[in-house]
């Protein structure tokens, strides 16, 4: 059942971090799967949306990530990162407001 897809996972921030680290590996061939997981977590787990959006902006701004040079699958991940950052941009603003307190 898709409802229980993440039933055994309690630390979604950790999982997002693992997915991002996997995306940065040279020779990784599972960019589409990583991208799908990133989007799925951001959509399903509301408490991590601000973190996911912030992490995706950092990923998008990382100059070391270029398509090619063993990073062919990163294009899928960068597309997902752009979608997450855009879809949850409001969460970025809310997180910035919380930091000012």
PDB file of N, CA and C in Angstrom:
ATOM      1  N   UNK A   1       0.849  -1.182   0.000  1.00  0.00           N
ATOM      2  CA  UNK A   1       0.000   0.000   0.000  1.00  0.00           C
ATOM      3  C   UNK A   1       0.895   1.247   0.000  1.00  0.00           C
ATOM      4  N   UNK A   2       0.622   2.198  -0.879  1.00  0.00           N
ATOM      5  CA  UNK A   2       1.461   3.388  -0.971  1.00  0.00           C
ATOM      6  C   UNK A   2       1.392   4.239   0.290  1.00  0.00           C
ATOM      7  N   UNK A   3       0.334   4.079   1.050  1.00  0.00           N
ATOM      8  CA  UNK A   3       0.190   4.845   2.292  1.00  0.00           C
ATOM      9  C   UNK A   3       1.306   4.493   3.267  1.00  0.00           C
ATOM     10  N   UNK A   4       1.737   3.245   3.255  1.00  0.00           N
ATOM     11  CA  UNK A   4       2.784   2.780   4.165  1.00  0.00           C
ATOM     12  C   UNK A   4       4.170   2.772   3.530  1.00  0.00           C
ATOM     13  N   UNK A   5       4.320   3.461   2.423  1.00  0.00           N
ATOM     14  CA  UNK A   5       5.580   3.473   1.683  1.00  0.00           C
ATOM     15  C   UNK A   5       6.773   3.861   2.562  1.00  0.00           C
ATOM     16  N   UNK A   6       6.563   4.794   3.464  1.00  0.00           N
ATOM     17  CA  UNK A   6       7.633   5.277   4.336  1.00  0.00           C
ATOM     18  C   UNK A   6       7.340   4.925   5.794  1.00  0.00           C
ATOM     19  N   UNK A   7       6.642   3.850   6.018  1.00  0.00           N
ATOM     20  CA  UNK A   7       6.235   3.450   7.353  1.00  0.00           C
ATOM     21  C   UNK A   7       7.384   3.228   8.326  1.00  0.00           C
ATOM     22  N   UNK A   8       8.521   2.793   7.818  1.00  0.00           N
ATOM     23  CA  UNK A   8       9.664   2.500   8.687  1.00  0.00           C
ATOM     24  C   UNK A   8      10.683   3.626   8.722  1.00  0.00           C
ATOM     25  N   UNK A   9      10.388   4.726   8.076  1.00  0.00           N
ATOM     26  CA  UNK A   9      11.313   5.851   8.014  1.00  0.00           C
ATOM     27  C   UNK A   9      10.806   6.960   8.922  1.00  0.00           C
ATOM     28  N   UNK A  10      11.632   7.365   9.870  1.00  0.00           N
ATOM     29  CA  UNK A  10      11.200   8.408  10.798  1.00  0.00           C
ATOM     30  C   UNK A  10      11.975   9.713  10.624  1.00  0.00           C
ATOM     31  N   UNK A  11      13.156   9.669  10.024  1.00  0.00           N
ATOM     32  CA  UNK A  11      13.987  10.864   9.879  1.00  0.00           C
ATOM     33  C   UNK A  11      14.078  11.250   8.405  1.00  0.00           C
ATOM     34  N   UNK A  12      13.119  12.050   7.964  1.00  0.00           N
ATOM     35  CA  UNK A  12      13.059  12.416   6.559  1.00  0.00           C
ATOM     36  C   UNK A  12      14.135  13.418   6.175  1.00  0.00           C
ATOM     37  N   UNK A  13      14.597  14.224   7.105  1.00  0.00           N
ATOM     38  CA  UNK A  13      15.698  15.149   6.817  1.00  0.00           C
ATOM     39  C   UNK A  13      16.953  14.342   6.484  1.00  0.00           C
ATOM     40  N   UNK A  14      17.218  13.314   7.259  1.00  0.00           N
ATOM     41  CA  UNK A  14      18.360  12.435   6.987  1.00  0.00           C
ATOM     42  C   UNK A  14      18.215  11.795   5.611  1.00  0.00           C
ATOM     43  N   UNK A  15      17.027  11.294   5.305  1.00  0.00           N
ATOM     44  CA  UNK A  15      16.799  10.620   4.032  1.00  0.00           C
ATOM     45  C   UNK A  15      16.996  11.574   2.858  1.00  0.00           C
ATOM     46  N   UNK A  16      16.499  12.801   2.972  1.00  0.00           N
ATOM     47  CA  UNK A  16      16.725  13.792   1.918  1.00  0.00           C
ATOM     48  C   UNK A  16      18.219  14.042   1.733  1.00  0.00           C
ATOM     49  N   UNK A  17      18.951  14.124   2.840  1.00  0.00           N
ATOM     50  CA  UNK A  17      20.398  14.327   2.771  1.00  0.00           C
ATOM     51  C   UNK A  17      21.104  13.179   2.062  1.00  0.00           C
ATOM     52  N   UNK A  18      20.668  11.965   2.343  1.00  0.00           N
ATOM     53  CA  UNK A  18      21.250  10.793   1.674  1.00  0.00           C
ATOM     54  C   UNK A  18      20.970  10.853   0.174  1.00  0.00           C
ATOM     55  N   UNK A  19      19.754  11.199  -0.201  1.00  0.00           N
ATOM     56  CA  UNK A  19      19.408  11.290  -1.618  1.00  0.00           C
ATOM     57  C   UNK A  19      20.268  12.333  -2.329  1.00  0.00           C
ATOM     58  N   UNK A  20      20.488  13.472  -1.687  1.00  0.00           N
ATOM     59  CA  UNK A  20      21.314  14.524  -2.281  1.00  0.00           C
ATOM     60  C   UNK A  20      22.763  14.053  -2.409  1.00  0.00           C
ATOM     61  N   UNK A  21      23.276  13.368  -1.396  1.00  0.00           N
ATOM     62  CA  UNK A  21      24.642  12.844  -1.479  1.00  0.00           C
ATOM     63  C   UNK A  21      24.781  11.831  -2.604  1.00  0.00           C
ATOM     64  N   UNK A  22      23.786  10.975  -2.765  1.00  0.00           N
ATOM     65  CA  UNK A  22      23.816  10.000  -3.850  1.00  0.00           C
ATOM     66  C   UNK A  22      23.805  10.699  -5.215  1.00  0.00           C
ATOM     67  N   UNK A  23      23.076  11.786  -5.320  1.00  0.00           N
ATOM     68  CA  UNK A  23      23.013  12.521  -6.579  1.00  0.00           C
ATOM     69  C   UNK A  23      24.366  13.113  -6.958  1.00  0.00           C
ATOM     70  N   UNK A  24      25.183  13.419  -5.968  1.00  0.00           N
ATOM     71  CA  UNK A  24      26.481  14.035  -6.220  1.00  0.00           C
ATOM     72  C   UNK A  24      27.567  13.029  -6.604  1.00  0.00           C
ATOM     73  N   UNK A  25      27.279  11.744  -6.476  1.00  0.00           N
ATOM     74  CA  UNK A  25      28.282  10.730  -6.784  1.00  0.00           C
ATOM     75  C   UNK A  25      28.536  10.649  -8.284  1.00  0.00           C
ATOM     76  N   UNK A  26      29.778  10.599  -8.651  1.00  0.00           N
ATOM     77  CA  UNK A  26      30.131  10.433 -10.055  1.00  0.00           C
ATOM     78  C   UNK A  26      29.779   9.014 -10.490  1.00  0.00           C
ATOM     79  N   UNK A  27      29.256   8.902 -11.682  1.00  0.00           N
ATOM     80  CA  UNK A  27      28.904   7.595 -12.210  1.00  0.00           C
ATOM     81  C   UNK A  27      27.556   7.080 -11.749  1.00  0.00           C
ATOM     82  N   UNK A  28      26.839   7.847 -10.941  1.00  0.00           N
ATOM     83  CA  UNK A  28      25.506   7.418 -10.494  1.00  0.00           C
ATOM     84  C   UNK A  28      24.589   7.331 -11.706  1.00  0.00           C
ATOM     85  N   UNK A  29      23.805   6.282 -11.748  1.00  0.00           N
ATOM     86  CA  UNK A  29      22.940   6.061 -12.908  1.00  0.00           C
ATOM     87  C   UNK A  29      21.465   6.050 -12.546  1.00  0.00           C
ATOM     88  N   UNK A  30      21.138   6.527 -11.403  1.00  0.00           N
ATOM     89  CA  UNK A  30      19.754   6.440 -10.945  1.00  0.00           C
ATOM     90  C   UNK A  30      19.166   7.819 -10.675  1.00  0.00           C
ATOM     91  N   UNK A  31      19.510   8.776 -11.507  1.00  0.00           N
ATOM     92  CA  UNK A  31      19.029  10.141 -11.305  1.00  0.00           C
ATOM     93  C   UNK A  31      17.524  10.268 -11.311  1.00  0.00           C
ATOM     94  N   UNK A  32      16.863   9.546 -12.200  1.00  0.00           N
ATOM     95  CA  UNK A  32      15.401   9.623 -12.270  1.00  0.00           C
ATOM     96  C   UNK A  32      14.763   9.085 -10.992  1.00  0.00           C
ATOM     97  N   UNK A  33      15.308   8.004 -10.462  1.00  0.00           N
ATOM     98  CA  UNK A  33      14.792   7.433  -9.217  1.00  0.00           C
ATOM     99  C   UNK A  33      15.039   8.380  -8.044  1.00  0.00           C
ATOM    100  N   UNK A  34      16.239   8.961  -7.980  1.00  0.00           N
ATOM    101  CA  UNK A  34      16.545   9.922  -6.918  1.00  0.00           C
ATOM    102  C   UNK A  34      15.608  11.128  -7.013  1.00  0.00           C
ATOM    103  N   UNK A  35      15.404  11.621  -8.223  1.00  0.00           N
ATOM    104  CA  UNK A  35      14.523  12.775  -8.427  1.00  0.00           C
ATOM    105  C   UNK A  35      13.100  12.453  -7.985  1.00  0.00           C
ATOM    106  N   UNK A  36      12.635  11.269  -8.347  1.00  0.00           N
ATOM    107  CA  UNK A  36      11.288  10.847  -7.957  1.00  0.00           C
ATOM    108  C   UNK A  36      11.136  10.791  -6.438  1.00  0.00           C
ATOM    109  N   UNK A  37      12.145  10.271  -5.761  1.00  0.00           N
ATOM    110  CA  UNK A  37      12.096  10.184  -4.297  1.00  0.00           C
ATOM    111  C   UNK A  37      12.114  11.572  -3.657  1.00  0.00           C
ATOM    112  N   UNK A  38      12.950  12.473  -4.172  1.00  0.00           N
ATOM    113  CA  UNK A  38      13.020  13.833  -3.632  1.00  0.00           C
ATOM    114  C   UNK A  38      11.659  14.530  -3.725  1.00  0.00           C
ATOM    115  N   UNK A  39      11.041  14.440  -4.892  1.00  0.00           N
ATOM    116  CA  UNK A  39       9.743  15.081  -5.089  1.00  0.00           C
ATOM    117  C   UNK A  39       8.679  14.415  -4.220  1.00  0.00           C
ATOM    118  N   UNK A  40       8.705  13.101  -4.155  1.00  0.00           N
ATOM    119  CA  UNK A  40       7.720  12.365  -3.373  1.00  0.00           C
ATOM    120  C   UNK A  40       7.779  12.747  -1.891  1.00  0.00           C
ATOM    121  N   UNK A  41       8.975  12.817  -1.348  1.00  0.00           N
ATOM    122  CA  UNK A  41       9.134  13.194   0.070  1.00  0.00           C
ATOM    123  C   UNK A  41       8.653  14.626   0.288  1.00  0.00           C
ATOM    124  N   UNK A  42       9.061  15.535  -0.587  1.00  0.00           N
ATOM    125  CA  UNK A  42       8.649  16.936  -0.427  1.00  0.00           C
ATOM    126  C   UNK A  42       7.131  17.079  -0.492  1.00  0.00           C
ATOM    127  N   UNK A  43       6.490  16.313  -1.351  1.00  0.00           N
ATOM    128  CA  UNK A  43       5.034  16.399  -1.481  1.00  0.00           C
ATOM    129  C   UNK A  43       4.305  15.756  -0.304  1.00  0.00           C
ATOM    130  N   UNK A  44       4.782  14.632   0.169  1.00  0.00           N
ATOM    131  CA  UNK A  44       4.069  13.865   1.188  1.00  0.00           C
ATOM    132  C   UNK A  44       4.339  14.310   2.625  1.00  0.00           C
ATOM    133  N   UNK A  45       5.529  14.840   2.884  1.00  0.00           N
ATOM    134  CA  UNK A  45       5.942  15.106   4.270  1.00  0.00           C
ATOM    135  C   UNK A  45       6.036  16.621   4.484  1.00  0.00           C
ATOM    136  N   UNK A  46       4.923  17.200   4.863  1.00  0.00           N
ATOM    137  CA  UNK A  46       4.836  18.661   5.015  1.00  0.00           C
ATOM    138  C   UNK A  46       5.885  19.243   5.974  1.00  0.00           C
ATOM    139  N   UNK A  47       6.190  18.602   7.104  1.00  0.00           N
ATOM    140  CA  UNK A  47       7.165  19.203   8.027  1.00  0.00           C
ATOM    141  C   UNK A  47       8.579  19.386   7.450  1.00  0.00           C
ATOM    142  N   UNK A  48       8.924  18.684   6.379  1.00  0.00           N
ATOM    143  CA  UNK A  48      10.277  18.830   5.832  1.00  0.00           C
ATOM    144  C   UNK A  48      10.319  19.693   4.573  1.00  0.00           C
ATOM    145  N   UNK A  49       9.203  20.271   4.185  1.00  0.00           N
ATOM    146  CA  UNK A  49       9.172  21.047   2.940  1.00  0.00           C
ATOM    147  C   UNK A  49      10.119  22.229   2.951  1.00  0.00           C
ATOM    148  N   UNK A  50      10.158  22.984   4.040  1.00  0.00           N
ATOM    149  CA  UNK A  50      11.065  24.138   4.102  1.00  0.00           C
ATOM    150  C   UNK A  50      12.512  23.680   4.007  1.00  0.00           C
ATOM    151  N   UNK A  51      12.854  22.614   4.728  1.00  0.00           N
ATOM    152  CA  UNK A  51      14.212  22.070   4.653  1.00  0.00           C
ATOM    153  C   UNK A  51      14.513  21.590   3.237  1.00  0.00           C
ATOM    154  N   UNK A  52      13.569  20.873   2.639  1.00  0.00           N
ATOM    155  CA  UNK A  52      13.777  20.347   1.287  1.00  0.00           C
ATOM    156  C   UNK A  52      13.977  21.488   0.298  1.00  0.00           C
ATOM    157  N   UNK A  53      13.150  22.510   0.381  1.00  0.00           N
ATOM    158  CA  UNK A  53      13.273  23.645  -0.539  1.00  0.00           C
ATOM    159  C   UNK A  53      14.618  24.339  -0.367  1.00  0.00           C
ATOM    160  N   UNK A  54      15.029  24.546   0.865  1.00  0.00           N
ATOM    161  CA  UNK A  54      16.315  25.196   1.141  1.00  0.00           C
ATOM    162  C   UNK A  54      17.480  24.337   0.637  1.00  0.00           C
ATOM    163  N   UNK A  55      17.387  23.029   0.868  1.00  0.00           N
ATOM    164  CA  UNK A  55      18.439  22.111   0.432  1.00  0.00           C
ATOM    165  C   UNK A  55      18.506  22.049  -1.093  1.00  0.00           C
ATOM    166  N   UNK A  56      17.361  22.123  -1.739  1.00  0.00           N
ATOM    167  CA  UNK A  56      17.332  22.074  -3.206  1.00  0.00           C
ATOM    168  C   UNK A  56      17.915  23.345  -3.808  1.00  0.00           C
ATOM    169  N   UNK A  57      17.696  24.492  -3.174  1.00  0.00           N
ATOM    170  CA  UNK A  57      18.300  25.736  -3.649  1.00  0.00           C
ATOM    171  C   UNK A  57      19.826  25.622  -3.563  1.00  0.00           C
ATOM    172  N   UNK A  58      20.318  25.077  -2.463  1.00  0.00           N
ATOM    173  CA  UNK A  58      21.769  24.880  -2.324  1.00  0.00           C
ATOM    174  C   UNK A  58      22.291  23.947  -3.406  1.00  0.00           C
ATOM    175  N   UNK A  59      21.545  22.914  -3.700  1.00  0.00           N
ATOM    176  CA  UNK A  59      21.939  21.969  -4.744  1.00  0.00           C
ATOM    177  C   UNK A  59      21.980  22.661  -6.106  1.00  0.00           C
ATOM    178  N   UNK A  60      20.982  23.479  -6.381  1.00  0.00           N
ATOM    179  CA  UNK A  60      20.932  24.193  -7.657  1.00  0.00           C
ATOM    180  C   UNK A  60      22.074  25.190  -7.805  1.00  0.00           C
ATOM    181  N   UNK A  61      22.514  25.756  -6.703  1.00  0.00           N
ATOM    182  CA  UNK A  61      23.583  26.760  -6.744  1.00  0.00           C
ATOM    183  C   UNK A  61      24.988  26.157  -6.677  1.00  0.00           C
ATOM    184  N   UNK A  62      25.081  24.859  -6.529  1.00  0.00           N
ATOM    185  CA  UNK A  62      26.379  24.179  -6.417  1.00  0.00           C
ATOM    186  C   UNK A  62      27.059  24.140  -7.783  1.00  0.00           C
ATOM    187  N   UNK A  63      28.102  24.914  -7.945  1.00  0.00           N
ATOM    188  CA  UNK A  63      28.806  25.017  -9.221  1.00  0.00           C
ATOM    189  C   UNK A  63      29.542  23.727  -9.599  1.00  0.00           C
ATOM    190  N   UNK A  64      29.765  22.856  -8.633  1.00  0.00           N
ATOM    191  CA  UNK A  64      30.469  21.610  -8.918  1.00  0.00           C
ATOM    192  C   UNK A  64      29.594  20.602  -9.648  1.00  0.00           C
ATOM    193  N   UNK A  65      28.294  20.835  -9.642  1.00  0.00           N
ATOM    194  CA  UNK A  65      27.374  19.908 -10.298  1.00  0.00           C
ATOM    195  C   UNK A  65      27.093  20.376 -11.715  1.00  0.00           C
ATOM    196  N   UNK A  66      27.728  19.742 -12.636  1.00  0.00           N
ATOM    197  CA  UNK A  66      27.491  20.021 -14.044  1.00  0.00           C
ATOM    198  C   UNK A  66      27.170  18.706 -14.728  1.00  0.00           C
ATOM    199  N   UNK A  67      26.266  18.766 -15.667  1.00  0.00           N
ATOM    200  CA  UNK A  67      25.946  17.565 -16.422  1.00  0.00           C
ATOM    201  C   UNK A  67      27.175  17.187 -17.236  1.00  0.00           C
ATOM    202  N   UNK A  68      27.485  15.922 -17.274  1.00  0.00           N
ATOM    203  CA  UNK A  68      28.692  15.447 -17.932  1.00  0.00           C
ATOM    204  C   UNK A  68      29.729  15.111 -16.888  1.00  0.00           C
ATOM    205  N   UNK A  69      30.900  14.794 -17.298  1.00  0.00           N
ATOM    206  CA  UNK A  69      32.006  14.473 -16.393  1.00  0.00           C
ATOM    207  C   UNK A  69      31.592  13.449 -15.339  1.00  0.00           C
ATOM    208  N   UNK A  70      30.847  12.416 -15.776  1.00  0.00           N
ATOM    209  CA  UNK A  70      30.434  11.374 -14.848  1.00  0.00           C
ATOM    210  C   UNK A  70      29.200  11.710 -14.034  1.00  0.00           C
ATOM    211  N   UNK A  71      28.580  12.840 -14.321  1.00  0.00           N
ATOM    212  CA  UNK A  71      27.396  13.260 -13.556  1.00  0.00           C
ATOM    213  C   UNK A  71      26.158  13.329 -14.452  1.00  0.00           C
ATOM    214  N   UNK A  72      26.028  12.379 -15.371  1.00  0.00           N
ATOM    215  CA  UNK A  72      24.921  12.415 -16.321  1.00  0.00           C
ATOM    216  C   UNK A  72      23.562  12.407 -15.647  1.00  0.00           C
ATOM    217  N   UNK A  73      23.425  11.659 -14.575  1.00  0.00           N
ATOM    218  CA  UNK A  73      22.112  11.530 -13.945  1.00  0.00           C
ATOM    219  C   UNK A  73      21.729  12.745 -13.113  1.00  0.00           C
ATOM    220  N   UNK A  74      22.641  13.675 -12.947  1.00  0.00           N
ATOM    221  CA  UNK A  74      22.339  14.834 -12.100  1.00  0.00           C
ATOM    222  C   UNK A  74      21.293  15.748 -12.754  1.00  0.00           C
ATOM    223  N   UNK A  75      21.124  15.671 -14.063  1.00  0.00           N
ATOM    224  CA  UNK A  75      20.137  16.522 -14.736  1.00  0.00           C
ATOM    225  C   UNK A  75      18.734  16.243 -14.200  1.00  0.00           C
ATOM    226  N   UNK A  76      18.394  14.973 -14.009  1.00  0.00           N
ATOM    227  CA  UNK A  76      17.081  14.633 -13.454  1.00  0.00           C
ATOM    228  C   UNK A  76      16.916  15.190 -12.052  1.00  0.00           C
ATOM    229  N   UNK A  77      17.970  15.087 -11.263  1.00  0.00           N
ATOM    230  CA  UNK A  77      17.923  15.561  -9.880  1.00  0.00           C
ATOM    231  C   UNK A  77      17.810  17.085  -9.848  1.00  0.00           C
ATOM    232  N   UNK A  78      18.528  17.772 -10.721  1.00  0.00           N
ATOM    233  CA  UNK A  78      18.449  19.231 -10.754  1.00  0.00           C
ATOM    234  C   UNK A  78      17.065  19.698 -11.197  1.00  0.00           C
ATOM    235  N   UNK A  79      16.451  18.964 -12.108  1.00  0.00           N
ATOM    236  CA  UNK A  79      15.083  19.305 -12.516  1.00  0.00           C
ATOM    237  C   UNK A  79      14.119  19.152 -11.338  1.00  0.00           C
ATOM    238  N   UNK A  80      14.273  18.083 -10.580  1.00  0.00           N
ATOM    239  CA  UNK A  80      13.437  17.879  -9.395  1.00  0.00           C
ATOM    240  C   UNK A  80      13.715  18.957  -8.355  1.00  0.00           C
ATOM    241  N   UNK A  81      14.979  19.309  -8.188  1.00  0.00           N
ATOM    242  CA  UNK A  81      15.344  20.348  -7.219  1.00  0.00           C
ATOM    243  C   UNK A  81      14.705  21.684  -7.594  1.00  0.00           C
ATOM    244  N   UNK A  82      14.707  22.005  -8.878  1.00  0.00           N
ATOM    245  CA  UNK A  82      14.090  23.253  -9.330  1.00  0.00           C
ATOM    246  C   UNK A  82      12.583  23.236  -9.073  1.00  0.00           C
ATOM    247  N   UNK A  83      11.956  22.086  -9.315  1.00  0.00           N
ATOM    248  CA  UNK A  83      10.517  21.978  -9.073  1.00  0.00           C
ATOM    249  C   UNK A  83      10.208  22.159  -7.590  1.00  0.00           C
ATOM    250  N   UNK A  84      10.965  21.492  -6.731  1.00  0.00           N
ATOM    251  CA  UNK A  84      10.729  21.574  -5.281  1.00  0.00           C
ATOM    252  C   UNK A  84      10.943  23.002  -4.786  1.00  0.00           C
ATOM    253  N   UNK A  85      12.041  23.619  -5.219  1.00  0.00           N
ATOM    254  CA  UNK A  85      12.335  24.992  -4.783  1.00  0.00           C
ATOM    255  C   UNK A  85      11.238  25.949  -5.236  1.00  0.00           C
ATOM    256  N   UNK A  86      10.734  25.761  -6.447  1.00  0.00           N
ATOM    257  CA  UNK A  86       9.673  26.631  -6.944  1.00  0.00           C
ATOM    258  C   UNK A  86       8.329  26.354  -6.298  1.00  0.00           C
ATOM    259  N   UNK A  87       8.007  25.087  -6.148  1.00  0.00           N
ATOM    260  CA  UNK A  87       6.717  24.703  -5.582  1.00  0.00           C
ATOM    261  C   UNK A  87       6.579  25.128  -4.125  1.00  0.00           C
ATOM    262  N   UNK A  88       7.675  25.079  -3.389  1.00  0.00           N
ATOM    263  CA  UNK A  88       7.633  25.384  -1.955  1.00  0.00           C
ATOM    264  C   UNK A  88       8.453  26.630  -1.614  1.00  0.00           C
ATOM    265  N   UNK A  89       8.498  27.572  -2.540  1.00  0.00           N
ATOM    266  CA  UNK A  89       9.221  28.827  -2.314  1.00  0.00           C
ATOM    267  C   UNK A  89       8.667  29.581  -1.113  1.00  0.00           C
ATOM    268  N   UNK A  90       7.370  29.481  -0.902  1.00  0.00           N
ATOM    269  CA  UNK A  90       6.767  30.124   0.266  1.00  0.00           C
ATOM    270  C   UNK A  90       7.332  29.595   1.563  1.00  0.00           C
ATOM    271  N   UNK A  91       7.665  28.315   1.584  1.00  0.00           N
ATOM    272  CA  UNK A  91       8.269  27.721   2.784  1.00  0.00           C
ATOM    273  C   UNK A  91       9.651  28.313   3.035  1.00  0.00           C
ATOM    274  N   UNK A  92      10.342  28.696   1.964  1.00  0.00           N
ATOM    275  CA  UNK A  92      11.650  29.350   2.127  1.00  0.00           C
ATOM    276  C   UNK A  92      11.478  30.690   2.827  1.00  0.00           C
ATOM    277  N   UNK A  93      10.464  31.429   2.438  1.00  0.00           N
ATOM    278  CA  UNK A  93      10.212  32.729   3.061  1.00  0.00           C
ATOM    279  C   UNK A  93       9.802  32.556   4.517  1.00  0.00           C
ATOM    280  N   UNK A  94       8.954  31.559   4.790  1.00  0.00           N
ATOM    281  CA  UNK A  94       8.541  31.284   6.172  1.00  0.00           C
ATOM    282  C   UNK A  94       9.735  30.900   7.023  1.00  0.00           C
ATOM    283  N   UNK A  95      10.665  30.104   6.489  1.00  0.00           N
ATOM    284  CA  UNK A  95      11.845  29.683   7.229  1.00  0.00           C
ATOM    285  C   UNK A  95      12.746  30.866   7.519  1.00  0.00           C
ATOM    286  N   UNK A  96      12.853  31.804   6.557  1.00  0.00           N
ATOM    287  CA  UNK A  96      13.660  33.012   6.784  1.00  0.00           C
ATOM    288  C   UNK A  96      13.056  33.871   7.894  1.00  0.00           C
ATOM    289  N   UNK A  97      11.721  33.954   7.941  1.00  0.00           N
ATOM    290  CA  UNK A  97      11.048  34.714   8.993  1.00  0.00           C
ATOM    291  C   UNK A  97      11.301  34.091  10.358  1.00  0.00           C
ATOM    292  N   UNK A  98      11.305  32.767  10.419  1.00  0.00           N
ATOM    293  CA  UNK A  98      11.568  32.069  11.682  1.00  0.00           C
ATOM    294  C   UNK A  98      12.987  32.302  12.154  1.00  0.00           C
ATOM    295  N   UNK A  99      13.932  32.429  11.215  1.00  0.00           N
ATOM    296  CA  UNK A  99      15.339  32.658  11.572  1.00  0.00           C
ATOM    297  C   UNK A  99      15.548  34.034  12.188  1.00  0.00           C
ATOM    298  N   UNK A 100      14.682  34.993  11.853  1.00  0.00           N
ATOM    299  CA  UNK A 100      14.819  36.359  12.356  1.00  0.00           C
ATOM    300  C   UNK A 100      14.403  36.476  13.808  1.00  0.00           C
ATOM    301  N   UNK A 101      13.634  35.516  14.306  1.00  0.00           N
ATOM    302  CA  UNK A 101      13.125  35.594  15.686  1.00  0.00           C
ATOM    303  C   UNK A 101      14.223  35.426  16.715  1.00  0.00           C
TER     304      UNK A 101
END
